[in-house]
Amino acid sequence: MSRVCELSGKGPMSGNTVSHANNKSRRRFLPNLNEVTLISDVLGQSFKLRISAHALRSVDHRGGLDAFLAKAKDDELSDKALKIKKEISKVQAA
């Protein structure tokens, strides 16, 4: 399972661990990923997604999964999230 957020596209970053003696060694900063069940109001269905805590706050701030996906860029979304976005737009158009 990759360590990439399905909604925001956040992935691991690299940097240095710096000791008290100022020795530097490489390390990875992993995103805070959580498996969350989000409900789509338009589809009336729930979806299990692995998203970062930051993305979860953004979903709440924008007013739910449907509103978040409407504003989200396609290149940041995973294949699963893109499929959900297309289903939502299809239902809203009809």
PDB file of N, CA and C in Angstrom:
ATOM      1  N   MET A   1       0.836  -1.175   0.000  1.00  0.00           N
ATOM      2  CA  MET A   1       0.000   0.000   0.000  1.00  0.00           C
ATOM      3  C   MET A   1       0.885   1.244   0.000  1.00  0.00           C
ATOM      4  N   SER A   2       0.676   2.129  -0.956  1.00  0.00           N
ATOM      5  CA  SER A   2       1.533   3.308  -1.048  1.00  0.00           C
ATOM      6  C   SER A   2       1.174   4.321   0.032  1.00  0.00           C
ATOM      7  N   ARG A   3       2.145   5.122   0.403  1.00  0.00           N
ATOM      8  CA  ARG A   3       1.941   6.121   1.447  1.00  0.00           C
ATOM      9  C   ARG A   3       1.619   7.467   0.813  1.00  0.00           C
ATOM     10  N   VAL A   4       0.551   7.496   0.033  1.00  0.00           N
ATOM     11  CA  VAL A   4       0.125   8.712  -0.648  1.00  0.00           C
ATOM     12  C   VAL A   4      -1.353   8.934  -0.344  1.00  0.00           C
ATOM     13  N   CYS A   5      -1.699  10.174  -0.024  1.00  0.00           N
ATOM     14  CA  CYS A   5      -3.087  10.538   0.259  1.00  0.00           C
ATOM     15  C   CYS A   5      -3.891  10.445  -1.030  1.00  0.00           C
ATOM     16  N   GLU A   6      -5.081   9.843  -0.950  1.00  0.00           N
ATOM     17  CA  GLU A   6      -5.903   9.647  -2.141  1.00  0.00           C
ATOM     18  C   GLU A   6      -6.588  10.928  -2.604  1.00  0.00           C
ATOM     19  N   LEU A   7      -6.742  11.918  -1.726  1.00  0.00           N
ATOM     20  CA  LEU A   7      -7.429  13.145  -2.101  1.00  0.00           C
ATOM     21  C   LEU A   7      -6.488  14.311  -2.387  1.00  0.00           C
ATOM     22  N   SER A   8      -5.446  14.459  -1.578  1.00  0.00           N
ATOM     23  CA  SER A   8      -4.565  15.618  -1.752  1.00  0.00           C
ATOM     24  C   SER A   8      -3.273  15.282  -2.491  1.00  0.00           C
ATOM     25  N   GLY A   9      -2.943  14.010  -2.614  1.00  0.00           N
ATOM     26  CA  GLY A   9      -1.720  13.614  -3.303  1.00  0.00           C
ATOM     27  C   GLY A   9      -0.467  13.768  -2.459  1.00  0.00           C
ATOM     28  N   LYS A  10      -0.621  14.043  -1.160  1.00  0.00           N
ATOM     29  CA  LYS A  10       0.536  14.187  -0.275  1.00  0.00           C
ATOM     30  C   LYS A  10       1.266  12.861  -0.145  1.00  0.00           C
ATOM     31  N   GLY A  11       2.590  12.912  -0.257  1.00  0.00           N
ATOM     32  CA  GLY A  11       3.404  11.718  -0.138  1.00  0.00           C
ATOM     33  C   GLY A  11       4.570  11.947   0.799  1.00  0.00           C
ATOM     34  N   PRO A  12       5.464  10.968   0.908  1.00  0.00           N
ATOM     35  CA  PRO A  12       6.618  11.116   1.797  1.00  0.00           C
ATOM     36  C   PRO A  12       7.562  12.218   1.318  1.00  0.00           C
ATOM     37  N   MET A  13       8.153  12.925   2.278  1.00  0.00           N
ATOM     38  CA  MET A  13       9.179  13.926   1.988  1.00  0.00           C
ATOM     39  C   MET A  13      10.467  13.456   2.632  1.00  0.00           C
ATOM     40  N   SER A  14      11.584  13.984   2.185  1.00  0.00           N
ATOM     41  CA  SER A  14      12.853  13.596   2.793  1.00  0.00           C
ATOM     42  C   SER A  14      13.514  14.804   3.416  1.00  0.00           C
ATOM     43  N   GLY A  15      14.346  14.534   4.401  1.00  0.00           N
ATOM     44  CA  GLY A  15      15.050  15.601   5.101  1.00  0.00           C
ATOM     45  C   GLY A  15      16.163  15.018   5.943  1.00  0.00           C
ATOM     46  N   ASN A  16      16.605  15.783   6.913  1.00  0.00           N
ATOM     47  CA  ASN A  16      17.699  15.352   7.772  1.00  0.00           C
ATOM     48  C   ASN A  16      17.244  15.209   9.212  1.00  0.00           C
ATOM     49  N   THR A  17      17.797  14.176   9.886  1.00  0.00           N
ATOM     50  CA  THR A  17      17.715  14.095  11.335  1.00  0.00           C
ATOM     51  C   THR A  17      18.976  14.778  11.832  1.00  0.00           C
ATOM     52  N   VAL A  18      18.819  15.778  12.672  1.00  0.00           N
ATOM     53  CA  VAL A  18      19.973  16.529  13.157  1.00  0.00           C
ATOM     54  C   VAL A  18      20.156  16.225  14.634  1.00  0.00           C
ATOM     55  N   SER A  19      21.324  15.688  14.990  1.00  0.00           N
ATOM     56  CA  SER A  19      21.606  15.341  16.384  1.00  0.00           C
ATOM     57  C   SER A  19      22.031  16.575  17.174  1.00  0.00           C
ATOM     58  N   HIS A  20      22.208  16.390  18.469  1.00  0.00           N
ATOM     59  CA  HIS A  20      22.647  17.483  19.339  1.00  0.00           C
ATOM     60  C   HIS A  20      24.035  17.980  18.921  1.00  0.00           C
ATOM     61  N   ALA A  21      24.866  17.053  18.403  1.00  0.00           N
ATOM     62  CA  ALA A  21      26.207  17.404  17.940  1.00  0.00           C
ATOM     63  C   ALA A  21      26.189  17.929  16.501  1.00  0.00           C
ATOM     64  N   ASN A  22      24.999  18.181  15.959  1.00  0.00           N
ATOM     65  CA  ASN A  22      24.791  18.706  14.615  1.00  0.00           C
ATOM     66  C   ASN A  22      25.220  17.743  13.517  1.00  0.00           C
ATOM     67  N   ASN A  23      25.200  16.435  13.818  1.00  0.00           N
ATOM     68  CA  ASN A  23      25.416  15.429  12.782  1.00  0.00           C
ATOM     69  C   ASN A  23      24.121  15.255  12.023  1.00  0.00           C
ATOM     70  N   LYS A  24      24.236  15.104  10.703  1.00  0.00           N
ATOM     71  CA  LYS A  24      23.040  14.997   9.880  1.00  0.00           C
ATOM     72  C   LYS A  24      22.979  13.642   9.200  1.00  0.00           C
ATOM     73  N   SER A  25      21.803  13.007   9.259  1.00  0.00           N
ATOM     74  CA  SER A  25      21.577  11.763   8.535  1.00  0.00           C
ATOM     75  C   SER A  25      20.202  11.837   7.898  1.00  0.00           C
ATOM     76  N   ARG A  26      20.070  11.204   6.739  1.00  0.00           N
ATOM     77  CA  ARG A  26      18.827  11.312   5.968  1.00  0.00           C
ATOM     78  C   ARG A  26      17.686  10.563   6.654  1.00  0.00           C
ATOM     79  N   ARG A  27      16.482  11.088   6.507  1.00  0.00           N
ATOM     80  CA  ARG A  27      15.278  10.454   7.028  1.00  0.00           C
ATOM     81  C   ARG A  27      14.107  10.790   6.133  1.00  0.00           C
ATOM     82  N   ARG A  28      12.983  10.106   6.390  1.00  0.00           N
ATOM     83  CA  ARG A  28      11.747  10.352   5.625  1.00  0.00           C
ATOM     84  C   ARG A  28      10.668  10.886   6.554  1.00  0.00           C
ATOM     85  N   PHE A  29       9.936  11.886   6.066  1.00  0.00           N
ATOM     86  CA  PHE A  29       8.777  12.412   6.776  1.00  0.00           C
ATOM     87  C   PHE A  29       7.550  11.826   6.083  1.00  0.00           C
ATOM     88  N   LEU A  30       6.824  10.960   6.781  1.00  0.00           N
ATOM     89  CA  LEU A  30       5.663  10.304   6.188  1.00  0.00           C
ATOM     90  C   LEU A  30       4.389  11.091   6.494  1.00  0.00           C
ATOM     91  N   PRO A  31       3.445  11.140   5.562  1.00  0.00           N
ATOM     92  CA  PRO A  31       2.186  11.843   5.840  1.00  0.00           C
ATOM     93  C   PRO A  31       1.347  11.078   6.862  1.00  0.00           C
ATOM     94  N   ASN A  32       0.533  11.804   7.586  1.00  0.00           N
ATOM     95  CA  ASN A  32      -0.334  11.211   8.604  1.00  0.00           C
ATOM     96  C   ASN A  32      -1.582  10.653   7.922  1.00  0.00           C
ATOM     97  N   LEU A  33      -1.508   9.402   7.465  1.00  0.00           N
ATOM     98  CA  LEU A  33      -2.608   8.797   6.715  1.00  0.00           C
ATOM     99  C   LEU A  33      -3.547   8.024   7.624  1.00  0.00           C
ATOM    100  N   ASN A  34      -4.833   8.169   7.375  1.00  0.00           N
ATOM    101  CA  ASN A  34      -5.869   7.457   8.120  1.00  0.00           C
ATOM    102  C   ASN A  34      -6.860   6.851   7.149  1.00  0.00           C
ATOM    103  N   GLU A  35      -7.366   5.673   7.480  1.00  0.00           N
ATOM    104  CA  GLU A  35      -8.405   5.056   6.660  1.00  0.00           C
ATOM    105  C   GLU A  35      -9.748   5.552   7.179  1.00  0.00           C
ATOM    106  N   VAL A  36     -10.463   6.289   6.331  1.00  0.00           N
ATOM    107  CA  VAL A  36     -11.687   6.969   6.741  1.00  0.00           C
ATOM    108  C   VAL A  36     -12.811   6.582   5.800  1.00  0.00           C
ATOM    109  N   THR A  37     -14.019   6.475   6.339  1.00  0.00           N
ATOM    110  CA  THR A  37     -15.198   6.246   5.521  1.00  0.00           C
ATOM    111  C   THR A  37     -15.912   7.581   5.345  1.00  0.00           C
ATOM    112  N   LEU A  38     -15.988   8.051   4.107  1.00  0.00           N
ATOM    113  CA  LEU A  38     -16.650   9.316   3.795  1.00  0.00           C
ATOM    114  C   LEU A  38     -17.937   9.029   3.030  1.00  0.00           C
ATOM    115  N   ILE A  39     -18.968   9.823   3.301  1.00  0.00           N
ATOM    116  CA  ILE A  39     -20.274   9.607   2.689  1.00  0.00           C
ATOM    117  C   ILE A  39     -20.536  10.678   1.637  1.00  0.00           C
ATOM    118  N   SER A  40     -20.948  10.246   0.466  1.00  0.00           N
ATOM    119  CA  SER A  40     -21.347  11.161  -0.604  1.00  0.00           C
ATOM    120  C   SER A  40     -22.845  11.415  -0.484  1.00  0.00           C
ATOM    121  N   ASP A  41     -23.217  12.696  -0.350  1.00  0.00           N
ATOM    122  CA  ASP A  41     -24.630  13.049  -0.225  1.00  0.00           C
ATOM    123  C   ASP A  41     -25.369  12.843  -1.545  1.00  0.00           C
ATOM    124  N   VAL A  42     -24.711  13.139  -2.642  1.00  0.00           N
ATOM    125  CA  VAL A  42     -25.346  13.026  -3.963  1.00  0.00           C
ATOM    126  C   VAL A  42     -25.612  11.561  -4.311  1.00  0.00           C
ATOM    127  N   LEU A  43     -24.610  10.712  -4.096  1.00  0.00           N
ATOM    128  CA  LEU A  43     -24.746   9.296  -4.444  1.00  0.00           C
ATOM    129  C   LEU A  43     -25.448   8.493  -3.352  1.00  0.00           C
ATOM    130  N   GLY A  44     -25.450   9.000  -2.109  1.00  0.00           N
ATOM    131  CA  GLY A  44     -26.040   8.256  -0.998  1.00  0.00           C
ATOM    132  C   GLY A  44     -25.270   6.992  -0.691  1.00  0.00           C
ATOM    133  N   GLN A  45     -23.965   7.072  -0.812  1.00  0.00           N
ATOM    134  CA  GLN A  45     -23.103   5.901  -0.689  1.00  0.00           C
ATOM    135  C   GLN A  45     -21.882   6.288   0.138  1.00  0.00           C
ATOM    136  N   SER A  46     -21.290   5.306   0.829  1.00  0.00           N
ATOM    137  CA  SER A  46     -20.081   5.590   1.599  1.00  0.00           C
ATOM    138  C   SER A  46     -18.874   4.971   0.898  1.00  0.00           C
ATOM    139  N   PHE A  47     -17.728   5.647   1.038  1.00  0.00           N
ATOM    140  CA  PHE A  47     -16.497   5.210   0.392  1.00  0.00           C
ATOM    141  C   PHE A  47     -15.373   5.178   1.420  1.00  0.00           C
ATOM    142  N   LYS A  48     -14.573   4.114   1.390  1.00  0.00           N
ATOM    143  CA  LYS A  48     -13.419   4.005   2.265  1.00  0.00           C
ATOM    144  C   LYS A  48     -12.203   4.545   1.521  1.00  0.00           C
ATOM    145  N   LEU A  49     -11.571   5.574   2.083  1.00  0.00           N
ATOM    146  CA  LEU A  49     -10.409   6.193   1.458  1.00  0.00           C
ATOM    147  C   LEU A  49      -9.280   6.305   2.474  1.00  0.00           C
ATOM    148  N   ARG A  50      -8.051   6.256   1.999  1.00  0.00           N
ATOM    149  CA  ARG A  50      -6.874   6.436   2.845  1.00  0.00           C
ATOM    150  C   ARG A  50      -6.367   7.855   2.601  1.00  0.00           C
ATOM    151  N   ILE A  51      -6.708   8.761   3.517  1.00  0.00           N
ATOM    152  CA  ILE A  51      -6.385  10.167   3.317  1.00  0.00           C
ATOM    153  C   ILE A  51      -5.605  10.718   4.499  1.00  0.00           C
ATOM    154  N   SER A  52      -4.930  11.839   4.273  1.00  0.00           N
ATOM    155  CA  SER A  52      -4.159  12.492   5.328  1.00  0.00           C
ATOM    156  C   SER A  52      -5.093  13.259   6.255  1.00  0.00           C
ATOM    157  N   ALA A  53      -4.613  13.545   7.446  1.00  0.00           N
ATOM    158  CA  ALA A  53      -5.394  14.310   8.419  1.00  0.00           C
ATOM    159  C   ALA A  53      -5.683  15.704   7.876  1.00  0.00           C
ATOM    160  N   HIS A  54      -4.745  16.274   7.134  1.00  0.00           N
ATOM    161  CA  HIS A  54      -4.931  17.593   6.531  1.00  0.00           C
ATOM    162  C   HIS A  54      -6.070  17.567   5.509  1.00  0.00           C
ATOM    163  N   ALA A  55      -6.119  16.516   4.696  1.00  0.00           N
ATOM    164  CA  ALA A  55      -7.174  16.395   3.693  1.00  0.00           C
ATOM    165  C   ALA A  55      -8.533  16.198   4.362  1.00  0.00           C
ATOM    166  N   LEU A  56      -8.572  15.490   5.477  1.00  0.00           N
ATOM    167  CA  LEU A  56      -9.824  15.278   6.201  1.00  0.00           C
ATOM    168  C   LEU A  56     -10.371  16.605   6.721  1.00  0.00           C
ATOM    169  N   ARG A  57      -9.485  17.458   7.220  1.00  0.00           N
ATOM    170  CA  ARG A  57      -9.900  18.788   7.668  1.00  0.00           C
ATOM    171  C   ARG A  57     -10.415  19.621   6.492  1.00  0.00           C
ATOM    172  N   SER A  58      -9.767  19.481   5.338  1.00  0.00           N
ATOM    173  CA  SER A  58     -10.184  20.221   4.143  1.00  0.00           C
ATOM    174  C   SER A  58     -11.562  19.762   3.668  1.00  0.00           C
ATOM    175  N   VAL A  59     -11.820  18.460   3.745  1.00  0.00           N
ATOM    176  CA  VAL A  59     -13.128  17.926   3.351  1.00  0.00           C
ATOM    177  C   VAL A  59     -14.206  18.512   4.264  1.00  0.00           C
ATOM    178  N   ASP A  60     -13.957  18.547   5.567  1.00  0.00           N
ATOM    179  CA  ASP A  60     -14.918  19.123   6.505  1.00  0.00           C
ATOM    180  C   ASP A  60     -15.115  20.614   6.242  1.00  0.00           C
ATOM    181  N   HIS A  61     -14.034  21.319   5.953  1.00  0.00           N
ATOM    182  CA  HIS A  61     -14.095  22.760   5.733  1.00  0.00           C
ATOM    183  C   HIS A  61     -14.898  23.117   4.477  1.00  0.00           C
ATOM    184  N   ARG A  62     -14.733  22.314   3.431  1.00  0.00           N
ATOM    185  CA  ARG A  62     -15.425  22.600   2.163  1.00  0.00           C
ATOM    186  C   ARG A  62     -16.870  22.132   2.153  1.00  0.00           C
ATOM    187  N   GLY A  63     -17.266  21.365   3.168  1.00  0.00           N
ATOM    188  CA  GLY A  63     -18.675  20.973   3.255  1.00  0.00           C
ATOM    189  C   GLY A  63     -18.974  19.570   2.775  1.00  0.00           C
ATOM    190  N   GLY A  64     -18.030  18.669   2.878  1.00  0.00           N
ATOM    191  CA  GLY A  64     -18.281  17.272   2.534  1.00  0.00           C
ATOM    192  C   GLY A  64     -17.479  16.799   1.329  1.00  0.00           C
ATOM    193  N   LEU A  65     -17.582  15.518   1.084  1.00  0.00           N
ATOM    194  CA  LEU A  65     -16.810  14.870   0.016  1.00  0.00           C
ATOM    195  C   LEU A  65     -17.182  15.410  -1.362  1.00  0.00           C
ATOM    196  N   ASP A  66     -18.466  15.631  -1.609  1.00  0.00           N
ATOM    197  CA  ASP A  66     -18.920  16.094  -2.928  1.00  0.00           C
ATOM    198  C   ASP A  66     -18.338  17.465  -3.272  1.00  0.00           C
ATOM    199  N   ALA A  67     -18.388  18.384  -2.320  1.00  0.00           N
ATOM    200  CA  ALA A  67     -17.869  19.737  -2.551  1.00  0.00           C
ATOM    201  C   ALA A  67     -16.351  19.718  -2.704  1.00  0.00           C
ATOM    202  N   PHE A  68     -15.681  18.864  -1.928  1.00  0.00           N
ATOM    203  CA  PHE A  68     -14.222  18.777  -2.020  1.00  0.00           C
ATOM    204  C   PHE A  68     -13.791  18.276  -3.393  1.00  0.00           C
ATOM    205  N   LEU A  69     -14.438  17.209  -3.866  1.00  0.00           N
ATOM    206  CA  LEU A  69     -14.066  16.624  -5.153  1.00  0.00           C
ATOM    207  C   LEU A  69     -14.396  17.552  -6.320  1.00  0.00           C
ATOM    208  N   ALA A  70     -15.432  18.370  -6.170  1.00  0.00           N
ATOM    209  CA  ALA A  70     -15.789  19.303  -7.239  1.00  0.00           C
ATOM    210  C   ALA A  70     -14.680  20.329  -7.468  1.00  0.00           C
ATOM    211  N   LYS A  71     -14.014  20.766  -6.397  1.00  0.00           N
ATOM    212  CA  LYS A  71     -12.956  21.764  -6.513  1.00  0.00           C
ATOM    213  C   LYS A  71     -11.566  21.162  -6.691  1.00  0.00           C
ATOM    214  N   ALA A  72     -11.413  19.864  -6.434  1.00  0.00           N
ATOM    215  CA  ALA A  72     -10.092  19.228  -6.455  1.00  0.00           C
ATOM    216  C   ALA A  72      -9.555  19.097  -7.879  1.00  0.00           C
ATOM    217  N   LYS A  73      -8.230  19.200  -8.010  1.00  0.00           N
ATOM    218  CA  LYS A  73      -7.569  19.010  -9.305  1.00  0.00           C
ATOM    219  C   LYS A  73      -7.455  17.519  -9.595  1.00  0.00           C
ATOM    220  N   ASP A  74      -7.649  17.151 -10.850  1.00  0.00           N
ATOM    221  CA  ASP A  74      -7.640  15.738 -11.227  1.00  0.00           C
ATOM    222  C   ASP A  74      -6.272  15.091 -11.051  1.00  0.00           C
ATOM    223  N   ASP A  75      -5.179  15.851 -11.228  1.00  0.00           N
ATOM    224  CA  ASP A  75      -3.846  15.249 -11.132  1.00  0.00           C
ATOM    225  C   ASP A  75      -3.460  14.914  -9.689  1.00  0.00           C
ATOM    226  N   GLU A  76      -4.134  15.504  -8.690  1.00  0.00           N
ATOM    227  CA  GLU A  76      -3.846  15.202  -7.289  1.00  0.00           C
ATOM    228  C   GLU A  76      -4.618  13.979  -6.795  1.00  0.00           C
ATOM    229  N   LEU A  77      -5.739  13.667  -7.433  1.00  0.00           N
ATOM    230  CA  LEU A  77      -6.608  12.593  -6.970  1.00  0.00           C
ATOM    231  C   LEU A  77      -6.109  11.225  -7.425  1.00  0.00           C
ATOM    232  N   SER A  78      -6.413  10.201  -6.613  1.00  0.00           N
ATOM    233  CA  SER A  78      -6.083   8.831  -6.992  1.00  0.00           C
ATOM    234  C   SER A  78      -7.114   8.337  -8.004  1.00  0.00           C
ATOM    235  N   ASP A  79      -6.888   7.155  -8.551  1.00  0.00           N
ATOM    236  CA  ASP A  79      -7.815   6.584  -9.531  1.00  0.00           C
ATOM    237  C   ASP A  79      -9.194   6.356  -8.912  1.00  0.00           C
ATOM    238  N   LYS A  80      -9.199   5.888  -7.667  1.00  0.00           N
ATOM    239  CA  LYS A  80     -10.446   5.623  -6.954  1.00  0.00           C
ATOM    240  C   LYS A  80     -11.235   6.924  -6.741  1.00  0.00           C
ATOM    241  N   ALA A  81     -10.534   7.984  -6.329  1.00  0.00           N
ATOM    242  CA  ALA A  81     -11.182   9.271  -6.089  1.00  0.00           C
ATOM    243  C   ALA A  81     -11.677   9.895  -7.397  1.00  0.00           C
ATOM    244  N   LEU A  82     -10.917   9.723  -8.474  1.00  0.00           N
ATOM    245  CA  LEU A  82     -11.348  10.231  -9.787  1.00  0.00           C
ATOM    246  C   LEU A  82     -12.639   9.555 -10.245  1.00  0.00           C
ATOM    247  N   LYS A  83     -12.733   8.257  -9.996  1.00  0.00           N
ATOM    248  CA  LYS A  83     -13.923   7.503 -10.372  1.00  0.00           C
ATOM    249  C   LYS A  83     -15.143   8.021  -9.602  1.00  0.00           C
ATOM    250  N   ILE A  84     -14.952   8.298  -8.305  1.00  0.00           N
ATOM    251  CA  ILE A  84     -16.035   8.829  -7.480  1.00  0.00           C
ATOM    252  C   ILE A  84     -16.439  10.214  -7.985  1.00  0.00           C
ATOM    253  N   LYS A  85     -15.433  11.044  -8.323  1.00  0.00           N
ATOM    254  CA  LYS A  85     -15.707  12.396  -8.817  1.00  0.00           C
ATOM    255  C   LYS A  85     -16.531  12.359 -10.100  1.00  0.00           C
ATOM    256  N   LYS A  86     -16.193  11.460 -11.011  1.00  0.00           N
ATOM    257  CA  LYS A  86     -16.929  11.351 -12.264  1.00  0.00           C
ATOM    258  C   LYS A  86     -18.361  10.878 -12.045  1.00  0.00           C
ATOM    259  N   GLU A  87     -18.548   9.944 -11.104  1.00  0.00           N
ATOM    260  CA  GLU A  87     -19.904   9.452 -10.792  1.00  0.00           C
ATOM    261  C   GLU A  87     -20.749  10.602 -10.232  1.00  0.00           C
ATOM    262  N   ILE A  88     -20.166  11.393  -9.343  1.00  0.00           N
ATOM    263  CA  ILE A  88     -20.887  12.514  -8.727  1.00  0.00           C
ATOM    264  C   ILE A  88     -21.279  13.542  -9.786  1.00  0.00           C
ATOM    265  N   SER A  89     -20.342  13.890 -10.682  1.00  0.00           N
ATOM    266  CA  SER A  89     -20.652  14.873 -11.720  1.00  0.00           C
ATOM    267  C   SER A  89     -21.703  14.356 -12.696  1.00  0.00           C
ATOM    268  N   LYS A  90     -21.701  13.042 -12.946  1.00  0.00           N
ATOM    269  CA  LYS A  90     -22.677  12.435 -13.843  1.00  0.00           C
ATOM    270  C   LYS A  90     -24.085  12.530 -13.248  1.00  0.00           C
ATOM    271  N   VAL A  91     -24.192  12.266 -11.929  1.00  0.00           N
ATOM    272  CA  VAL A  91     -25.493  12.311 -11.264  1.00  0.00           C
ATOM    273  C   VAL A  91     -25.989  13.757 -11.160  1.00  0.00           C
ATOM    274  N   GLN A  92     -25.082  14.700 -10.898  1.00  0.00           N
ATOM    275  CA  GLN A  92     -25.476  16.093 -10.772  1.00  0.00           C
ATOM    276  C   GLN A  92     -25.923  16.676 -12.110  1.00  0.00           C
ATOM    277  N   ALA A  93     -25.336  16.196 -13.213  1.00  0.00           N
ATOM    278  CA  ALA A  93     -25.699  16.698 -14.549  1.00  0.00           C
ATOM    279  C   ALA A  93     -27.086  16.228 -14.960  1.00  0.00           C
ATOM    280  N   ALA A  94     -27.454  15.056 -14.473  1.00  0.00           N
ATOM    281  CA  ALA A  94     -28.781  14.489 -14.857  1.00  0.00           C
ATOM    282  C   ALA A  94     -29.917  15.074 -14.053  1.00  0.00           C
TER     283      ALA A  94
END
